[in-house]
Amino acid sequence: MMAKRPLGETGLRVTPLGLGLAALGRPGYMTLHHADDLGSDRSVATMREHAHAVLDAAWEAGIRYFDTARSYGRGEEFLASWMEARGIPPGAAVVGSKWGYTYTAGWRADAEVHEVKEHSATVLRRQYDESRAILGGRLDLYQIHSATLETGVLDDPEVVDILARHRDAGLCVGLSVTGPRQADTVRRALEVERGGRKVFGAVQATWNLLEPSAGEALREAREAGMGVIVKEALANGRLTGRNRDPAYAAKLARLREEAERLGTTVDALALAAALARPWADVVLSGAATAGHLRSNAGALAVRWDGEAEEKLAGLAEAPETFWSERGRLPWT
């Protein structure tokens, strides 16, 4: 079992490794080789069974933090039905969900548009009610999905007032951030207050060996009492042995060399890099299969050291380069 630790000053206690359901709740996603992971039968029933199997593997590995969102297809439903089927009571694990994107793919992996972003008070009210109807009292953390300065969501008084009321009613409120200006969004979120108190208790951000630019802002957030959750530590599969892009061959060779030195796998090494950040409370696995989840969990045994830190620092890309390439990943 993993030892639980505080998620900042939220009062929630989480495990260092969590599971995100982005690749499990819908038939299409932008993880490398996602189609190979799911196979040809992507009916709701088959995918529910598949998601439950990965959740079983996560529970067996000791994971007690689960992340989903309204736009993850049936991610909330799959998580809730699994918890109900396994007799997992509210409070035995921490569940986070998000609002701000609407799933539009119609259960098709080849849809032209998979999700539509709208950070309005109307969407917040609707999606909060939808999440509560599915998750009920299991919902512990409610986050803005992929907040950016450009959407203006952090400066929308109606949205902030609604979130503050949820905070005052006992729900932990947070945000996830995205894009090359993640750090700026995190710092702006630290300034948002209602009733003399910060509105946001937690932040979820992309941090990985290719895109570490938000690290300093996340350290500041953690020091200010916010819980910090790391997403995309494997860069949607680019920091795994499944990356067959010739342009990444040299970086993958360096990762393999370090993984061999530390007696682990490439994916576990990349997750261990995120786990080694002193400000990170939870690092999410985005595993789409039980086998990948078990391999990811090997990160907990990796003894990250200064040599790994030094040798792998050179993998970092300019944020604009990273996010541009991420935006070109195909949904399969």
Protein backbone atom coordinates (compact mmCIF):
# COMPACT_ATOMS: atom_id res chain seq x y z
CA MET A 1 0.00 0.00 0.00
CA MET A 2 1.17 3.52 -0.75
CA ALA A 3 1.31 5.87 2.19
CA LYS A 4 -1.19 8.71 1.87
CA ARG A 5 -0.12 12.32 2.21
CA PRO A 6 -1.87 15.69 2.31
CA LEU A 7 -3.04 17.33 -0.90
CA GLY A 8 -1.70 20.72 0.08
CA GLU A 9 -3.91 22.28 2.74
CA THR A 10 -7.16 20.94 1.29
CA GLY A 11 -7.71 18.39 4.04
CA LEU A 12 -7.74 15.61 1.44
CA ARG A 13 -5.22 12.78 1.70
CA VAL A 14 -3.93 11.21 -1.48
CA THR A 15 -1.46 8.64 -2.74
CA PRO A 16 1.63 9.82 -4.63
CA LEU A 17 0.47 8.00 -7.75
CA GLY A 18 -3.02 8.52 -9.15
CA LEU A 19 -4.93 7.34 -12.19
CA GLY A 20 -6.47 9.62 -14.80
CA LEU A 21 -9.31 8.29 -16.95
CA ALA A 22 -8.79 10.42 -20.07
CA ALA A 23 -7.79 7.36 -22.13
CA LEU A 24 -10.34 5.02 -20.49
CA GLY A 25 -13.66 6.84 -20.62
CA ARG A 26 -14.04 7.32 -24.37
CA PRO A 27 -13.12 5.38 -27.52
CA GLY A 28 -10.72 8.00 -28.90
CA TYR A 29 -7.81 9.82 -27.30
CA MET A 30 -4.45 11.35 -28.26
CA THR A 31 -2.16 8.91 -26.42
CA LEU A 32 0.30 7.20 -28.76
CA HIS A 33 -1.05 3.83 -29.97
CA HIS A 34 -4.34 4.30 -28.12
CA ALA A 35 -6.11 2.27 -30.82
CA ASP A 36 -3.79 -0.69 -30.17
CA ASP A 37 -4.60 -0.54 -26.46
CA LEU A 38 -8.36 -0.72 -26.92
CA GLY A 39 -8.70 -3.00 -29.93
CA SER A 40 -11.58 -3.01 -32.39
CA ASP A 41 -14.51 -3.50 -29.99
CA ARG A 42 -15.11 -0.12 -28.40
CA SER A 43 -18.71 -0.58 -27.43
CA VAL A 44 -19.78 1.05 -24.18
CA ALA A 45 -20.11 -2.31 -22.46
CA THR A 46 -16.67 -3.50 -23.56
CA MET A 47 -15.01 -0.23 -22.63
CA ARG A 48 -16.71 -0.23 -19.23
CA GLU A 49 -15.32 -3.72 -18.58
CA HIS A 50 -11.90 -2.62 -19.81
CA ALA A 51 -11.90 0.48 -17.61
CA HIS A 52 -12.93 -1.58 -14.60
CA ALA A 53 -9.99 -3.94 -15.21
CA VAL A 54 -7.53 -1.03 -15.24
CA LEU A 55 -9.15 0.43 -12.13
CA ASP A 56 -8.80 -2.97 -10.43
CA ALA A 57 -5.08 -2.96 -11.26
CA ALA A 58 -4.77 0.58 -9.89
CA TRP A 59 -6.50 -0.34 -6.65
CA GLU A 60 -4.31 -3.41 -6.27
CA ALA A 61 -1.23 -1.22 -6.78
CA GLY A 62 -2.39 1.00 -3.92
CA ILE A 63 -3.67 3.97 -5.93
CA ARG A 64 -6.31 5.96 -4.07
CA TYR A 65 -6.61 9.09 -6.21
CA PHE A 66 -8.72 9.04 -9.38
CA ASP A 67 -9.10 11.86 -11.90
CA THR A 68 -11.88 12.23 -14.45
CA ALA A 69 -13.88 14.95 -16.24
CA ARG A 70 -17.21 15.61 -17.90
CA SER A 71 -15.48 15.50 -21.31
CA TYR A 72 -13.97 12.06 -20.73
CA GLY A 73 -16.93 10.40 -22.39
CA ARG A 74 -18.29 8.03 -19.74
CA GLY A 75 -15.29 8.39 -17.45
CA GLU A 76 -17.31 9.53 -14.44
CA GLU A 77 -19.86 6.79 -15.03
CA PHE A 78 -17.22 4.07 -15.39
CA LEU A 79 -15.49 5.21 -12.20
CA ALA A 80 -18.72 5.42 -10.21
CA SER A 81 -19.98 2.03 -11.40
CA TRP A 82 -16.63 0.43 -10.57
CA MET A 83 -16.61 1.88 -7.06
CA GLU A 84 -20.18 0.73 -6.54
CA ALA A 85 -19.47 -2.77 -7.88
CA ARG A 86 -16.38 -3.16 -5.72
CA GLY A 87 -18.08 -1.82 -2.61
CA ILE A 88 -15.66 1.11 -2.25
CA PRO A 89 -17.34 3.64 0.05
CA PRO A 90 -17.06 7.41 -0.24
CA GLY A 91 -13.90 8.54 1.54
CA ALA A 92 -11.89 5.40 0.78
CA ALA A 93 -10.38 7.16 -2.22
CA VAL A 94 -10.23 10.74 -3.42
CA VAL A 95 -12.08 11.54 -6.65
CA GLY A 96 -11.45 14.63 -8.74
CA SER A 97 -13.50 15.73 -11.74
CA LYS A 98 -13.48 18.76 -14.02
CA TRP A 99 -15.84 21.07 -15.88
CA GLY A 100 -15.38 23.26 -18.94
CA TYR A 101 -15.28 20.85 -21.88
CA THR A 102 -18.31 19.11 -23.37
CA TYR A 103 -17.84 15.69 -24.99
CA THR A 104 -19.07 15.87 -28.59
CA ALA A 105 -17.62 12.79 -30.34
CA GLY A 106 -20.79 10.68 -30.18
CA TRP A 107 -18.75 7.66 -29.07
CA ARG A 108 -16.64 7.71 -32.23
CA ALA A 109 -12.85 7.59 -32.32
CA ASP A 110 -12.81 9.23 -35.76
CA ALA A 111 -15.00 12.21 -34.86
CA GLU A 112 -13.95 15.54 -36.33
CA VAL A 113 -14.47 17.28 -32.96
CA HIS A 114 -14.08 15.33 -29.72
CA GLU A 115 -14.77 18.06 -27.19
CA VAL A 116 -15.78 21.71 -27.09
CA LYS A 117 -14.34 24.12 -24.53
CA GLU A 118 -16.51 26.72 -22.83
CA HIS A 119 -15.71 28.24 -19.45
CA SER A 120 -19.05 29.94 -18.86
CA ALA A 121 -21.20 30.03 -15.73
CA THR A 122 -23.93 28.23 -17.70
CA VAL A 123 -21.64 25.30 -18.47
CA LEU A 124 -20.36 25.25 -14.88
CA ARG A 125 -23.88 24.96 -13.46
CA ARG A 126 -24.93 22.28 -15.94
CA GLN A 127 -21.81 20.16 -15.63
CA TYR A 128 -21.69 20.40 -11.85
CA ASP A 129 -25.20 19.00 -11.67
CA GLU A 130 -24.27 16.24 -14.13
CA SER A 131 -21.17 15.27 -12.16
CA ARG A 132 -23.07 15.25 -8.87
CA ALA A 133 -25.80 13.08 -10.39
CA ILE A 134 -23.19 10.46 -11.32
CA LEU A 135 -20.62 10.71 -8.53
CA GLY A 136 -22.83 11.91 -5.68
CA GLY A 137 -20.93 12.20 -2.42
CA ARG A 138 -17.81 10.68 -3.97
CA LEU A 139 -16.85 13.99 -5.61
CA ASP A 140 -14.02 15.47 -3.53
CA LEU A 141 -12.25 17.89 -5.87
CA TYR A 142 -13.93 19.95 -8.60
CA GLN A 143 -11.64 21.67 -11.08
CA ILE A 144 -11.79 24.06 -14.00
CA HIS A 145 -10.70 21.98 -17.00
CA SER A 146 -7.64 23.43 -18.76
CA ALA A 147 -7.89 27.01 -17.53
CA THR A 148 -5.89 29.59 -19.45
CA LEU A 149 -5.56 33.33 -19.18
CA GLU A 150 -6.99 33.62 -22.68
CA THR A 151 -10.42 32.20 -21.76
CA GLY A 152 -10.80 34.79 -19.00
CA VAL A 153 -12.32 32.22 -16.65
CA LEU A 154 -10.30 33.38 -13.64
CA ASP A 155 -11.61 36.91 -14.12
CA ASP A 156 -15.27 35.97 -14.63
CA PRO A 157 -16.99 37.15 -11.42
CA GLU A 158 -20.03 34.90 -11.91
CA VAL A 159 -17.91 31.77 -12.33
CA VAL A 160 -15.66 32.66 -9.40
CA ASP A 161 -18.67 33.37 -7.17
CA ILE A 162 -20.20 29.97 -7.97
CA LEU A 163 -16.91 28.20 -7.25
CA ALA A 164 -16.54 30.12 -3.99
CA ARG A 165 -19.99 28.95 -2.91
CA HIS A 166 -18.99 25.35 -3.61
CA ARG A 167 -15.83 25.95 -1.58
CA ASP A 168 -17.87 27.35 1.29
CA ALA A 169 -20.17 24.32 1.15
CA GLY A 170 -17.17 22.04 1.77
CA LEU A 171 -16.15 20.98 -1.74
CA CYS A 172 -12.48 21.39 -2.62
CA VAL A 173 -12.21 23.63 -5.69
CA GLY A 174 -9.24 23.60 -8.06
CA LEU A 175 -8.16 24.09 -11.63
CA SER A 176 -6.14 22.32 -14.26
CA VAL A 177 -3.94 24.39 -16.55
CA THR A 178 -2.60 23.93 -20.05
CA GLY A 179 -0.44 25.50 -22.73
CA PRO A 180 2.91 27.29 -22.79
CA ARG A 181 1.71 29.90 -20.25
CA GLN A 182 0.78 27.42 -17.52
CA ALA A 183 2.97 29.23 -15.01
CA ASP A 184 1.18 32.54 -15.59
CA THR A 185 -2.21 30.88 -15.10
CA VAL A 186 -1.10 29.24 -11.85
CA ARG A 187 0.16 32.54 -10.48
CA ARG A 188 -3.08 34.29 -11.44
CA ALA A 189 -5.09 31.56 -9.70
CA LEU A 190 -3.16 32.22 -6.51
CA GLU A 191 -4.56 35.76 -6.50
CA VAL A 192 -8.24 34.81 -6.84
CA GLU A 193 -10.08 35.29 -3.53
CA ARG A 194 -13.59 35.53 -2.18
CA GLY A 195 -14.46 36.33 1.42
CA GLY A 196 -10.81 36.95 2.24
CA ARG A 197 -9.81 33.39 1.31
CA LYS A 198 -8.27 31.80 -1.76
CA VAL A 199 -10.85 30.15 -4.00
CA PHE A 200 -8.57 27.46 -5.39
CA GLY A 201 -7.18 24.76 -3.13
CA ALA A 202 -5.46 22.63 -5.77
CA VAL A 203 -3.88 22.89 -9.21
CA GLN A 204 -3.28 20.22 -11.84
CA ALA A 205 -0.59 20.95 -14.41
CA THR A 206 1.48 19.33 -17.12
CA TRP A 207 5.03 18.67 -16.00
CA ASN A 208 7.39 16.22 -17.65
CA LEU A 209 10.96 15.88 -18.81
CA LEU A 210 10.07 17.51 -22.12
CA GLU A 211 7.99 20.34 -20.62
CA PRO A 212 9.16 21.33 -17.10
CA SER A 213 8.51 25.08 -17.46
CA ALA A 214 5.69 25.26 -14.88
CA GLY A 215 7.87 23.82 -12.13
CA GLU A 216 8.75 27.07 -10.36
CA ALA A 217 5.13 28.29 -10.35
CA LEU A 218 3.99 24.93 -9.00
CA ARG A 219 6.55 25.22 -6.22
CA GLU A 220 5.13 28.63 -5.36
CA ALA A 221 1.60 27.22 -5.39
CA ARG A 222 2.58 24.40 -3.05
CA GLU A 223 4.29 26.81 -0.67
CA ALA A 224 1.09 28.89 -0.67
CA GLY A 225 -0.87 25.82 0.49
CA MET A 226 -2.29 24.55 -2.78
CA GLY A 227 -2.30 20.85 -3.54
CA VAL A 228 -0.34 20.04 -6.71
CA ILE A 229 -1.29 17.30 -9.15
CA VAL A 230 0.96 16.46 -12.11
CA LYS A 231 -0.64 15.33 -15.37
CA GLU A 232 0.91 14.16 -18.63
CA ALA A 233 4.14 13.05 -16.98
CA LEU A 234 4.60 10.68 -19.94
CA ALA A 235 3.75 13.38 -22.51
CA ASN A 236 0.89 11.36 -24.03
CA GLY A 237 3.21 8.42 -24.62
CA ARG A 238 6.14 10.35 -26.08
CA LEU A 239 8.22 9.54 -22.98
CA THR A 240 7.76 5.79 -23.33
CA GLY A 241 9.37 3.00 -25.30
CA ARG A 242 6.37 3.11 -27.66
CA ASN A 243 7.52 6.37 -29.23
CA ARG A 244 8.68 5.36 -32.71
CA ASP A 245 9.22 8.89 -34.02
CA PRO A 246 12.76 9.08 -35.50
CA ALA A 247 12.98 12.67 -34.28
CA TYR A 248 12.85 11.37 -30.70
CA ALA A 249 15.33 8.52 -31.18
CA ALA A 250 18.22 10.26 -29.44
CA LYS A 251 16.09 11.30 -26.47
CA LEU A 252 14.62 7.82 -26.18
CA ALA A 253 18.12 6.32 -26.23
CA ARG A 254 19.11 8.57 -23.33
CA LEU A 255 15.99 7.55 -21.40
CA ARG A 256 16.69 3.87 -22.02
CA GLU A 257 20.27 4.26 -20.85
CA GLU A 258 19.16 5.82 -17.57
CA ALA A 259 16.33 3.34 -17.13
CA GLU A 260 18.80 0.48 -17.49
CA ARG A 261 21.18 2.08 -14.98
CA LEU A 262 18.38 2.43 -12.42
CA GLY A 263 16.90 -0.98 -13.16
CA THR A 264 13.51 0.19 -14.42
CA THR A 265 11.47 0.88 -17.54
CA VAL A 266 11.38 4.08 -19.57
CA ASP A 267 7.81 4.91 -18.53
CA ALA A 268 8.54 4.31 -14.85
CA LEU A 269 11.65 6.47 -15.10
CA ALA A 270 9.71 9.39 -16.59
CA LEU A 271 7.05 9.11 -13.89
CA ALA A 272 9.77 8.90 -11.23
CA ALA A 273 11.13 12.22 -12.48
CA ALA A 274 7.78 13.84 -11.68
CA LEU A 275 7.48 12.02 -8.36
CA ALA A 276 10.88 13.41 -7.39
CA ARG A 277 9.58 17.01 -7.50
CA PRO A 278 9.27 18.06 -3.84
CA TRP A 279 6.17 20.14 -4.63
CA ALA A 280 4.22 17.30 -6.32
CA ASP A 281 1.52 15.69 -4.17
CA VAL A 282 0.08 13.37 -6.85
CA VAL A 283 1.45 12.26 -10.22
CA LEU A 284 -1.14 10.81 -12.58
CA SER A 285 -0.73 7.67 -14.62
CA GLY A 286 -2.78 7.87 -17.79
CA ALA A 287 -2.54 4.12 -18.41
CA ALA A 288 -4.97 2.67 -20.93
CA THR A 289 -4.28 -0.96 -20.01
CA ALA A 290 -3.72 -2.88 -16.79
CA GLY A 291 -0.27 -3.88 -18.01
CA HIS A 292 0.76 -0.30 -18.56
CA LEU A 293 -0.60 0.64 -15.14
CA ARG A 294 1.53 -1.99 -13.45
CA SER A 295 4.58 -0.82 -15.38
CA ASN A 296 3.86 2.80 -14.42
CA ALA A 297 3.57 1.80 -10.77
CA GLY A 298 7.20 0.69 -10.94
CA ALA A 299 8.06 4.39 -10.68
CA LEU A 300 7.49 4.20 -6.94
CA ALA A 301 10.51 1.92 -6.57
CA VAL A 302 12.88 4.04 -8.67
CA ARG A 303 15.67 5.71 -6.70
CA TRP A 304 15.84 8.98 -8.60
CA ASP A 305 19.25 10.57 -8.10
CA GLY A 306 21.35 13.55 -9.06
CA GLU A 307 22.89 11.70 -11.97
CA ALA A 308 19.46 11.09 -13.52
CA GLU A 309 18.52 14.71 -12.90
CA GLU A 310 21.64 15.93 -14.67
CA LYS A 311 21.58 13.52 -17.60
CA LEU A 312 17.89 14.00 -18.40
CA ALA A 313 17.66 17.76 -17.96
CA GLY A 314 18.70 18.16 -21.57
CA LEU A 315 15.48 16.53 -22.81
CA ALA A 316 13.50 19.72 -22.15
CA GLU A 317 11.98 21.51 -25.13
CA ALA A 318 10.84 25.10 -25.51
CA PRO A 319 7.25 25.22 -24.18
CA GLU A 320 5.92 26.48 -27.52
CA THR A 321 7.56 23.53 -29.29
CA PHE A 322 6.13 21.00 -26.86
CA TRP A 323 2.57 22.35 -26.99
CA SER A 324 2.64 22.71 -30.76
CA GLU A 325 3.61 19.07 -31.17
CA ARG A 326 1.06 17.95 -28.59
CA GLY A 327 -1.62 19.75 -30.58
CA ARG A 328 -0.74 17.69 -33.64
CA LEU A 329 -1.13 14.30 -31.96
CA PRO A 330 -3.89 12.28 -33.64
CA TRP A 331 -6.95 10.99 -31.77
CA THR A 332 -7.19 7.22 -32.28
